C-alpha atoms as a PDB file:
ATOM      1  CA  MET A   1     384.268 168.032  66.828  1.00  0.00           C
ATOM      2  CA  ALA A   2     387.475 169.300  68.325  1.00  0.00           C
ATOM      3  CA  ILE A   3     390.311 168.801  70.741  1.00  0.00           C
ATOM      4  CA  TYR A   4     390.542 171.356  73.550  1.00  0.00           C
ATOM      5  CA  ILE A   5     393.358 172.396  75.868  1.00  0.00           C
ATOM      6  CA  ASP A   6     393.278 174.583  78.959  1.00  0.00           C
ATOM      7  CA  PRO A   7     396.172 176.791  80.116  1.00  0.00           C
ATOM      8  CA  PRO A   8     399.000 175.148  82.073  1.00  0.00           C
ATOM      9  CA  THR A   9     397.793 176.265  85.500  1.00  0.00           C
ATOM     10  CA  TRP A  10     397.627 172.915  87.301  1.00  0.00           C
ATOM     11  CA  PRO A  11     400.665 172.274  89.542  1.00  0.00           C
ATOM     12  CA  GLY A  12     402.157 168.844  90.053  1.00  0.00           C
ATOM     13  CA  HIS A  13     405.559 167.192  90.285  1.00  0.00           C
ATOM     14  CA  GLY A  14     407.373 170.541  90.098  1.00  0.00           C
ATOM     15  CA  ARG A  15     405.676 171.546  86.832  1.00  0.00           C
ATOM     16  CA  MET A  16     402.535 173.203  85.545  1.00  0.00           C
ATOM     17  CA  TRP A  17     400.084 171.100  83.538  1.00  0.00           C
ATOM     18  CA  SER A  18     397.293 171.484  80.991  1.00  0.00           C
ATOM     19  CA  HIS A  19     394.394 169.153  80.315  1.00  0.00           C
ATOM     20  CA  VAL A  20     393.620 167.954  76.789  1.00  0.00           C
ATOM     21  CA  VAL A  21     390.137 166.618  75.958  1.00  0.00           C
ATOM     22  CA  SER A  22     387.945 165.693  73.008  1.00  0.00           C
ATOM     23  CA  ASP A  23     384.311 166.607  72.555  1.00  0.00           C
ATOM     24  CA  VAL A  24     383.786 163.585  70.273  1.00  0.00           C
ATOM     25  CA  SER A  25     385.446 160.431  71.598  1.00  0.00           C
ATOM     26  CA  PHE A  26     388.351 158.973  73.490  1.00  0.00           C
ATOM     27  CA  ASP A  27     389.507 157.448  70.194  1.00  0.00           C
ATOM     28  CA  GLU A  28     389.871 160.964  68.742  1.00  0.00           C
ATOM     29  CA  LEU A  29     391.700 162.082  71.881  1.00  0.00           C
ATOM     30  CA  HIS A  30     394.135 159.143  71.778  1.00  0.00           C
ATOM     31  CA  ARG A  31     394.857 159.745  68.065  1.00  0.00           C
ATOM     32  CA  PHE A  32     395.606 163.400  68.794  1.00  0.00           C
ATOM     33  CA  ALA A  33     397.838 162.514  71.748  1.00  0.00           C
ATOM     34  CA  ASP A  34     399.699 159.940  69.647  1.00  0.00           C
ATOM     35  CA  GLY A  35     400.203 162.597  66.962  1.00  0.00           C
ATOM     36  CA  ILE A  36     401.928 164.981  69.368  1.00  0.00           C
ATOM     37  CA  GLY A  37     403.898 162.236  71.101  1.00  0.00           C
ATOM     38  CA  ALA A  38     402.041 162.280  74.417  1.00  0.00           C
ATOM     39  CA  PRO A  39     402.483 158.933  76.185  1.00  0.00           C
ATOM     40  CA  ARG A  40     399.387 156.841  76.955  1.00  0.00           C
ATOM     41  CA  ARG A  41     400.355 156.923  80.641  1.00  0.00           C
ATOM     42  CA  ALA A  42     399.432 160.652  80.572  1.00  0.00           C
ATOM     43  CA  PHE A  43     395.764 159.668  80.024  1.00  0.00           C
ATOM     44  CA  GLU A  44     393.737 159.958  83.214  1.00  0.00           C
ATOM     45  CA  ARG A  45     390.094 158.780  83.042  1.00  0.00           C
ATOM     46  CA  ASP A  46     388.862 161.362  80.511  1.00  0.00           C
ATOM     47  CA  HIS A  47     391.788 163.642  79.631  1.00  0.00           C
ATOM     48  CA  TYR A  48     395.490 163.807  78.996  1.00  0.00           C
ATOM     49  CA  ASP A  49     397.755 165.715  81.357  1.00  0.00           C
ATOM     50  CA  LEU A  50     400.232 167.678  79.255  1.00  0.00           C
ATOM     51  CA  PRO A  51     403.198 169.558  80.769  1.00  0.00           C
ATOM     52  CA  GLY A  52     403.171 173.303  80.194  1.00  0.00           C
ATOM     53  CA  GLU A  53     406.226 173.198  77.959  1.00  0.00           C
ATOM     54  CA  ARG A  54     404.207 171.050  75.491  1.00  0.00           C
ATOM     55  CA  TYR A  55     401.236 173.458  75.379  1.00  0.00           C
ATOM     56  CA  GLY A  56     402.450 175.111  72.160  1.00  0.00           C
ATOM     57  CA  ASP A  57     402.904 171.716  70.481  1.00  0.00           C
ATOM     58  CA  ALA A  58     399.259 170.854  71.139  1.00  0.00           C
ATOM     59  CA  VAL A  59     398.003 174.226  69.878  1.00  0.00           C
ATOM     60  CA  ARG A  60     400.136 173.987  66.717  1.00  0.00           C
ATOM     61  CA  ALA A  61     398.670 170.509  66.138  1.00  0.00           C
ATOM     62  CA  GLY A  62     395.146 171.953  66.251  1.00  0.00           C
ATOM     63  CA  ALA A  63     394.008 171.956  69.882  1.00  0.00           C
ATOM     64  CA  VAL A  64     391.599 174.798  70.617  1.00  0.00           C
ATOM     65  CA  GLU A  65     392.644 177.004  73.531  1.00  0.00           C
ATOM     66  CA  VAL A  66     389.876 177.387  76.130  1.00  0.00           C
ATOM     67  CA  GLY A  67     389.658 178.162  79.831  1.00  0.00           C
ATOM     68  CA  SER A  68     389.399 175.351  82.350  1.00  0.00           C
ATOM     69  CA  LYS A  69     385.678 175.874  82.976  1.00  0.00           C
ATOM     70  CA  GLU A  70     384.931 175.822  79.248  1.00  0.00           C
ATOM     71  CA  LEU A  71     387.028 172.672  78.803  1.00  0.00           C
ATOM     72  CA  LEU A  72     385.070 170.909  81.559  1.00  0.00           C
ATOM     73  CA  ARG A  73     381.753 172.093  80.090  1.00  0.00           C
ATOM     74  CA  ARG A  74     382.614 170.729  76.650  1.00  0.00           C
ATOM     75  CA  LEU A  75     383.796 167.410  78.098  1.00  0.00           C
ATOM     76  CA  THR A  76     380.618 167.078  80.180  1.00  0.00           C
ATOM     77  CA  ASP A  77     378.308 168.118  77.321  1.00  0.00           C
ATOM     78  CA  ALA A  78     379.930 165.446  75.145  1.00  0.00           C
ATOM     79  CA  GLY A  79     379.083 162.787  77.755  1.00  0.00           C
ATOM     80  CA  LEU A  80     382.754 161.913  78.195  1.00  0.00           C
ATOM     81  CA  ARG A  81     383.304 163.159  81.762  1.00  0.00           C
ATOM     82  CA  ARG A  82     384.551 160.432  84.133  1.00  0.00           C
ATOM     83  CA  PRO A  83     384.881 161.809  87.668  1.00  0.00           C
ATOM     84  CA  LYS A  84     387.200 159.929  90.025  1.00  0.00           C
ATOM     85  CA  HIS A  85     384.341 158.590  92.144  1.00  0.00           C
ATOM     86  CA  ARG A  86     382.365 157.219  89.178  1.00  0.00           C
ATOM     87  CA  PRO A  87     383.533 154.145  87.218  1.00  0.00           C
ATOM     88  CA  ALA A  88     383.279 153.942  83.437  1.00  0.00           C
ATOM     89  CA  PRO A  89     379.800 152.886  82.268  1.00  0.00           C
ATOM     90  CA  ALA A  90     379.191 149.200  81.581  1.00  0.00           C
ATOM     91  CA  GLY A  91     380.001 148.367  77.996  1.00  0.00           C
ATOM     92  CA  GLY A  92     382.507 151.200  77.713  1.00  0.00           C
ATOM     93  CA  ALA A  93     382.179 154.939  77.429  1.00  0.00           C
ATOM     94  CA  PRO A  94     380.785 156.750  74.405  1.00  0.00           C
ATOM     95  CA  GLY A  95     383.230 156.882  71.563  1.00  0.00           C
ATOM     96  CA  VAL A  96     385.394 154.031  72.843  1.00  0.00           C
ATOM     97  CA  ALA A  97     385.802 151.051  70.619  1.00  0.00           C
ATOM     98  CA  GLY A  98     385.502 147.958  72.659  1.00  0.00           C
END
């Protein structure tokens, strides 16, 4: 039961970005993001995009530093992966109050 963050290696909009995920639920992920002041608009399907300059904030708040492949593995193993081409399951995704 943890929050994970990968290094800020993803380019976009003139910045480098990290991904932040939970291996428990989207509720846990949203609570964590709220706690570090990440806006809800930064949530994309199954993760938060966090600008590189906020990486340290997430780690200080308890996010576990992992590589991108490990982050994806943990997200997938938790059953929380939502690829772009696949809609959310009927009745909501695991760990989402609905």
